[in-house]
Amino acid sequence: MKRLLLLIVFSCTAVAAEPVVRYGHTFGSSMMPTFNGAQAIKEIYVPFGDVRKGDIVVYWDWLRQIRVCHRVVRRLRNNAWLAKGDNPNTNPAPDDMPVTKFNYLFVAVPCDEFAKP
């Protein structure tokens, strides 16, 4: 019984070490010209503490009840980030909702929707 338990714990640890990658898409114009209106993206889980200024993140906006894909532009004192869309016409100021460890989901990078590794 002890061997079986050790094997299960080891297996879970090995799986957790693999990066979590999902595929999705953007819509809207807030990230133009970086992403077009219907851009395929790769969502890669990066620990919140490893997010850096300039990263494009996907986070949950509690107020609007939607996922948002914007670039982090400034770190706040409480270890949160301000994010902003790249399009200055639709997003002249940072988002109202800060990105925190509680609403952060993924880092996003553009990808060819048919080229999955």
N, C-alpha and C. Protein backbone atom coordinates (compact mmCIF):
# COMPACT_ATOMS: atom_id res chain seq x y z
N MET A 1 0.82 -1.20 0.00
CA MET A 1 0.00 0.00 0.00
C MET A 1 0.87 1.26 0.00
N LYS A 2 1.96 1.26 0.76
CA LYS A 2 2.84 2.43 0.81
C LYS A 2 3.48 2.68 -0.55
N ARG A 3 3.86 1.66 -1.26
CA ARG A 3 4.46 1.83 -2.58
C ARG A 3 3.49 2.48 -3.56
N LEU A 4 2.26 2.03 -3.53
CA LEU A 4 1.24 2.58 -4.41
C LEU A 4 1.04 4.06 -4.13
N LEU A 5 0.97 4.45 -2.89
CA LEU A 5 0.79 5.85 -2.51
C LEU A 5 1.97 6.69 -2.98
N LEU A 6 3.17 6.22 -2.83
CA LEU A 6 4.35 6.94 -3.28
C LEU A 6 4.35 7.09 -4.80
N LEU A 7 3.93 6.08 -5.50
CA LEU A 7 3.87 6.13 -6.96
C LEU A 7 2.87 7.18 -7.42
N ILE A 8 1.73 7.27 -6.78
CA ILE A 8 0.71 8.25 -7.15
C ILE A 8 1.22 9.67 -6.90
N VAL A 9 1.85 9.91 -5.79
CA VAL A 9 2.39 11.24 -5.49
C VAL A 9 3.47 11.61 -6.51
N PHE A 10 4.35 10.69 -6.83
CA PHE A 10 5.39 10.94 -7.82
C PHE A 10 4.79 11.25 -9.18
N SER A 11 3.78 10.51 -9.59
CA SER A 11 3.14 10.74 -10.89
C SER A 11 2.49 12.10 -10.95
N CYS A 12 1.82 12.53 -9.89
CA CYS A 12 1.19 13.84 -9.87
C CYS A 12 2.24 14.94 -9.96
N THR A 13 3.35 14.77 -9.30
CA THR A 13 4.43 15.76 -9.34
C THR A 13 4.99 15.86 -10.75
N ALA A 14 5.17 14.72 -11.40
CA ALA A 14 5.74 14.73 -12.75
C ALA A 14 4.80 15.44 -13.73
N VAL A 15 3.50 15.24 -13.62
CA VAL A 15 2.54 15.87 -14.50
C VAL A 15 2.49 17.37 -14.25
N ALA A 16 2.57 17.79 -12.99
CA ALA A 16 2.50 19.20 -12.65
C ALA A 16 3.69 19.99 -13.20
N ALA A 17 4.81 19.33 -13.48
CA ALA A 17 5.99 20.01 -13.98
C ALA A 17 5.84 20.40 -15.45
N GLU A 18 4.93 19.78 -16.18
CA GLU A 18 4.71 20.10 -17.59
C GLU A 18 3.97 21.44 -17.69
N PRO A 19 4.35 22.29 -18.65
CA PRO A 19 3.64 23.56 -18.80
C PRO A 19 2.21 23.33 -19.29
N VAL A 20 1.31 24.14 -18.79
CA VAL A 20 -0.09 24.05 -19.21
C VAL A 20 -0.27 24.97 -20.41
N VAL A 21 -0.65 24.41 -21.53
CA VAL A 21 -0.84 25.19 -22.76
C VAL A 21 -2.26 24.95 -23.26
N ARG A 22 -2.93 26.05 -23.54
CA ARG A 22 -4.27 25.99 -24.12
C ARG A 22 -4.26 26.85 -25.38
N TYR A 23 -5.23 26.62 -26.22
CA TYR A 23 -5.38 27.43 -27.42
C TYR A 23 -6.71 28.14 -27.36
N GLY A 24 -6.71 29.38 -27.79
CA GLY A 24 -7.93 30.16 -27.78
C GLY A 24 -7.88 31.19 -28.90
N HIS A 25 -8.73 32.18 -28.80
CA HIS A 25 -8.72 33.24 -29.80
C HIS A 25 -9.15 34.54 -29.15
N THR A 26 -8.77 35.63 -29.78
CA THR A 26 -9.18 36.94 -29.31
C THR A 26 -10.34 37.42 -30.18
N PHE A 27 -11.04 38.40 -29.69
CA PHE A 27 -12.03 39.08 -30.52
C PHE A 27 -12.04 40.54 -30.08
N GLY A 28 -12.50 41.40 -30.95
CA GLY A 28 -12.47 42.82 -30.64
C GLY A 28 -11.21 43.47 -31.18
N SER A 29 -11.08 44.76 -30.93
CA SER A 29 -9.98 45.52 -31.51
C SER A 29 -9.03 46.11 -30.47
N SER A 30 -9.19 45.77 -29.21
CA SER A 30 -8.38 46.41 -28.17
C SER A 30 -6.89 46.08 -28.25
N MET A 31 -6.52 44.95 -28.86
CA MET A 31 -5.11 44.58 -28.95
C MET A 31 -4.52 44.76 -30.35
N MET A 32 -5.25 45.45 -31.24
CA MET A 32 -4.69 45.74 -32.56
C MET A 32 -3.56 46.74 -32.41
N PRO A 33 -2.47 46.65 -33.10
CA PRO A 33 -2.19 45.73 -34.21
C PRO A 33 -1.52 44.43 -33.78
N THR A 34 -1.27 44.23 -32.49
CA THR A 34 -0.62 43.00 -32.04
C THR A 34 -1.45 41.77 -32.40
N PHE A 35 -2.73 41.80 -32.09
CA PHE A 35 -3.67 40.73 -32.47
C PHE A 35 -4.74 41.35 -33.34
N ASN A 36 -5.14 40.64 -34.40
CA ASN A 36 -6.26 41.14 -35.18
C ASN A 36 -7.56 40.77 -34.48
N GLY A 37 -8.67 41.10 -35.06
CA GLY A 37 -9.96 40.89 -34.40
C GLY A 37 -10.28 39.45 -34.03
N ALA A 38 -9.74 38.49 -34.74
CA ALA A 38 -10.02 37.07 -34.46
C ALA A 38 -8.72 36.29 -34.52
N GLN A 39 -7.77 36.65 -33.69
CA GLN A 39 -6.42 36.06 -33.70
C GLN A 39 -6.38 34.78 -32.87
N ALA A 40 -5.78 33.73 -33.41
CA ALA A 40 -5.54 32.51 -32.64
C ALA A 40 -4.38 32.80 -31.68
N ILE A 41 -4.53 32.38 -30.43
CA ILE A 41 -3.48 32.59 -29.43
C ILE A 41 -3.18 31.29 -28.69
N LYS A 42 -1.97 31.22 -28.20
CA LYS A 42 -1.55 30.13 -27.32
C LYS A 42 -1.55 30.71 -25.92
N GLU A 43 -2.28 30.08 -25.01
CA GLU A 43 -2.34 30.52 -23.61
C GLU A 43 -1.45 29.58 -22.80
N ILE A 44 -0.38 30.14 -22.23
CA ILE A 44 0.61 29.35 -21.50
C ILE A 44 0.55 29.75 -20.03
N TYR A 45 0.39 28.76 -19.16
CA TYR A 45 0.36 29.09 -17.73
C TYR A 45 1.78 29.39 -17.27
N VAL A 46 1.97 30.59 -16.77
CA VAL A 46 3.22 31.04 -16.15
C VAL A 46 2.84 31.44 -14.74
N PRO A 47 3.57 31.03 -13.70
CA PRO A 47 3.21 31.44 -12.34
C PRO A 47 3.09 32.97 -12.26
N PHE A 48 2.13 33.46 -11.50
CA PHE A 48 1.87 34.89 -11.40
C PHE A 48 3.12 35.67 -11.01
N GLY A 49 3.93 35.13 -10.14
CA GLY A 49 5.15 35.81 -9.72
C GLY A 49 6.19 35.97 -10.82
N ASP A 50 6.04 35.23 -11.92
CA ASP A 50 6.97 35.32 -13.05
C ASP A 50 6.48 36.24 -14.17
N VAL A 51 5.28 36.81 -14.02
CA VAL A 51 4.76 37.75 -15.02
C VAL A 51 5.61 39.01 -14.98
N ARG A 52 5.94 39.56 -16.14
CA ARG A 52 6.80 40.74 -16.24
C ARG A 52 6.11 41.82 -17.07
N LYS A 53 6.54 43.05 -16.86
CA LYS A 53 6.04 44.18 -17.65
C LYS A 53 6.26 43.88 -19.12
N GLY A 54 5.23 44.09 -19.91
CA GLY A 54 5.30 43.81 -21.34
C GLY A 54 4.66 42.49 -21.73
N ASP A 55 4.46 41.58 -20.78
CA ASP A 55 3.77 40.31 -21.08
C ASP A 55 2.32 40.59 -21.44
N ILE A 56 1.77 39.77 -22.32
CA ILE A 56 0.35 39.83 -22.63
C ILE A 56 -0.31 38.75 -21.79
N VAL A 57 -1.27 39.13 -20.97
CA VAL A 57 -1.91 38.19 -20.06
C VAL A 57 -3.40 38.08 -20.35
N VAL A 58 -3.95 36.94 -19.96
CA VAL A 58 -5.39 36.73 -19.99
C VAL A 58 -5.82 36.70 -18.53
N TYR A 59 -6.81 37.52 -18.19
CA TYR A 59 -7.30 37.56 -16.82
C TYR A 59 -8.81 37.67 -16.81
N TRP A 60 -9.41 37.34 -15.67
CA TRP A 60 -10.87 37.40 -15.51
C TRP A 60 -11.25 38.76 -14.94
N ASP A 61 -12.09 39.48 -15.66
CA ASP A 61 -12.61 40.78 -15.19
C ASP A 61 -13.89 40.51 -14.42
N TRP A 62 -13.81 40.61 -13.10
CA TRP A 62 -14.95 40.30 -12.23
C TRP A 62 -16.12 41.25 -12.46
N LEU A 63 -15.84 42.49 -12.81
CA LEU A 63 -16.92 43.47 -13.00
C LEU A 63 -17.74 43.19 -14.25
N ARG A 64 -17.06 42.90 -15.35
CA ARG A 64 -17.77 42.66 -16.61
C ARG A 64 -18.05 41.19 -16.87
N GLN A 65 -17.49 40.29 -16.04
CA GLN A 65 -17.70 38.84 -16.18
C GLN A 65 -17.22 38.33 -17.55
N ILE A 66 -15.99 38.76 -17.93
CA ILE A 66 -15.40 38.31 -19.19
C ILE A 66 -13.90 38.08 -18.99
N ARG A 67 -13.33 37.29 -19.91
CA ARG A 67 -11.87 37.15 -19.96
C ARG A 67 -11.31 38.29 -20.78
N VAL A 68 -10.22 38.88 -20.32
CA VAL A 68 -9.58 40.00 -21.01
C VAL A 68 -8.15 39.60 -21.36
N CYS A 69 -7.74 39.95 -22.57
CA CYS A 69 -6.38 39.68 -23.03
C CYS A 69 -5.72 41.02 -23.31
N HIS A 70 -4.88 41.50 -22.38
CA HIS A 70 -4.21 42.80 -22.50
C HIS A 70 -2.77 42.70 -22.04
N ARG A 71 -1.98 43.72 -22.36
CA ARG A 71 -0.56 43.77 -22.00
C ARG A 71 -0.39 44.40 -20.61
N VAL A 72 0.47 43.80 -19.77
CA VAL A 72 0.74 44.40 -18.47
C VAL A 72 1.69 45.58 -18.67
N VAL A 73 1.34 46.71 -18.04
CA VAL A 73 2.10 47.94 -18.28
C VAL A 73 2.75 48.51 -17.03
N ARG A 74 2.26 48.14 -15.85
CA ARG A 74 2.84 48.69 -14.63
C ARG A 74 2.51 47.82 -13.43
N ARG A 75 3.51 47.63 -12.56
CA ARG A 75 3.30 46.88 -11.32
C ARG A 75 2.83 47.84 -10.24
N LEU A 76 1.85 47.40 -9.47
CA LEU A 76 1.33 48.19 -8.35
C LEU A 76 2.01 47.75 -7.06
N ARG A 77 1.87 48.53 -6.02
CA ARG A 77 2.53 48.22 -4.74
C ARG A 77 2.06 46.91 -4.12
N ASN A 78 0.84 46.50 -4.38
CA ASN A 78 0.29 45.28 -3.77
C ASN A 78 0.55 44.03 -4.60
N ASN A 79 1.61 44.06 -5.43
CA ASN A 79 1.98 42.94 -6.30
C ASN A 79 0.94 42.63 -7.36
N ALA A 80 0.10 43.60 -7.67
CA ALA A 80 -0.84 43.47 -8.78
C ALA A 80 -0.25 44.21 -9.98
N TRP A 81 -0.86 44.00 -11.13
CA TRP A 81 -0.42 44.65 -12.36
C TRP A 81 -1.57 45.47 -12.94
N LEU A 82 -1.23 46.56 -13.62
CA LEU A 82 -2.19 47.25 -14.47
C LEU A 82 -1.97 46.75 -15.88
N ALA A 83 -3.06 46.50 -16.59
CA ALA A 83 -2.99 46.03 -17.97
C ALA A 83 -3.69 47.04 -18.87
N LYS A 84 -3.34 46.99 -20.14
CA LYS A 84 -3.91 47.94 -21.09
C LYS A 84 -3.89 47.31 -22.47
N GLY A 85 -4.92 47.56 -23.25
CA GLY A 85 -4.93 47.12 -24.64
C GLY A 85 -3.91 47.90 -25.45
N ASP A 86 -3.37 47.31 -26.50
CA ASP A 86 -2.35 47.96 -27.32
C ASP A 86 -2.93 49.05 -28.24
N ASN A 87 -4.22 49.02 -28.51
CA ASN A 87 -4.84 49.96 -29.43
C ASN A 87 -5.15 51.27 -28.69
N PRO A 88 -4.42 52.37 -29.02
CA PRO A 88 -4.64 53.63 -28.30
C PRO A 88 -5.99 54.26 -28.59
N ASN A 89 -6.65 53.88 -29.69
CA ASN A 89 -7.97 54.43 -30.00
C ASN A 89 -9.06 53.83 -29.13
N THR A 90 -8.95 52.55 -28.81
CA THR A 90 -9.98 51.90 -27.98
C THR A 90 -9.58 51.82 -26.52
N ASN A 91 -8.30 51.90 -26.21
CA ASN A 91 -7.80 51.78 -24.85
C ASN A 91 -6.78 52.88 -24.54
N PRO A 92 -7.24 54.12 -24.36
CA PRO A 92 -6.29 55.20 -24.08
C PRO A 92 -5.70 55.13 -22.67
N ALA A 93 -6.35 54.43 -21.76
CA ALA A 93 -5.89 54.35 -20.37
C ALA A 93 -5.85 52.89 -19.93
N PRO A 94 -5.11 52.58 -18.86
CA PRO A 94 -5.10 51.20 -18.33
C PRO A 94 -6.49 50.74 -17.90
N ASP A 95 -6.66 49.43 -17.84
CA ASP A 95 -7.93 48.84 -17.41
C ASP A 95 -8.25 49.21 -15.98
N ASP A 96 -9.54 49.29 -15.66
CA ASP A 96 -9.99 49.58 -14.29
C ASP A 96 -9.68 48.42 -13.34
N MET A 97 -9.76 47.21 -13.85
CA MET A 97 -9.54 46.01 -13.04
C MET A 97 -8.06 45.65 -13.04
N PRO A 98 -7.39 45.67 -11.87
CA PRO A 98 -5.99 45.24 -11.84
C PRO A 98 -5.89 43.72 -12.00
N VAL A 99 -4.76 43.26 -12.48
CA VAL A 99 -4.50 41.83 -12.61
C VAL A 99 -3.82 41.38 -11.32
N THR A 100 -4.42 40.42 -10.63
CA THR A 100 -3.89 39.90 -9.37
C THR A 100 -3.73 38.40 -9.47
N LYS A 101 -3.15 37.81 -8.43
CA LYS A 101 -3.01 36.34 -8.44
C LYS A 101 -4.37 35.65 -8.39
N PHE A 102 -5.42 36.40 -8.05
CA PHE A 102 -6.76 35.81 -7.94
C PHE A 102 -7.53 35.83 -9.26
N ASN A 103 -7.21 36.73 -10.18
CA ASN A 103 -7.94 36.76 -11.45
C ASN A 103 -7.05 36.48 -12.67
N TYR A 104 -5.75 36.32 -12.45
CA TYR A 104 -4.81 36.00 -13.53
C TYR A 104 -5.04 34.57 -14.01
N LEU A 105 -5.00 34.38 -15.34
CA LEU A 105 -5.20 33.04 -15.90
C LEU A 105 -3.98 32.53 -16.67
N PHE A 106 -3.51 33.26 -17.68
CA PHE A 106 -2.45 32.79 -18.56
C PHE A 106 -1.66 33.96 -19.12
N VAL A 107 -0.49 33.64 -19.71
CA VAL A 107 0.23 34.54 -20.60
C VAL A 107 -0.18 34.13 -22.01
N ALA A 108 -0.41 35.10 -22.88
CA ALA A 108 -0.87 34.80 -24.25
C ALA A 108 0.21 35.18 -25.26
N VAL A 109 0.36 34.33 -26.27
CA VAL A 109 1.25 34.63 -27.39
C VAL A 109 0.51 34.30 -28.67
N PRO A 110 0.76 35.07 -29.76
CA PRO A 110 0.10 34.76 -31.01
C PRO A 110 0.55 33.41 -31.56
N CYS A 111 -0.31 32.75 -32.28
CA CYS A 111 0.07 31.49 -32.93
C CYS A 111 -0.75 31.29 -34.19
N ASP A 112 -0.26 30.42 -35.03
CA ASP A 112 -1.01 30.00 -36.20
C ASP A 112 -2.00 28.94 -35.71
N GLU A 113 -3.28 29.16 -35.89
CA GLU A 113 -4.27 28.25 -35.32
C GLU A 113 -4.14 26.81 -35.80
N PHE A 114 -3.45 26.57 -36.90
CA PHE A 114 -3.30 25.21 -37.40
C PHE A 114 -1.95 24.60 -37.04
N ALA A 115 -1.06 25.37 -36.43
CA ALA A 115 0.29 24.87 -36.11
C ALA A 115 0.40 24.62 -34.63
N LYS A 116 -0.14 23.52 -34.16
CA LYS A 116 -0.05 23.15 -32.75
C LYS A 116 1.10 22.17 -32.58
N PRO A 117 1.97 22.41 -31.60
CA PRO A 117 3.13 21.52 -31.44
C PRO A 117 2.74 20.11 -31.02
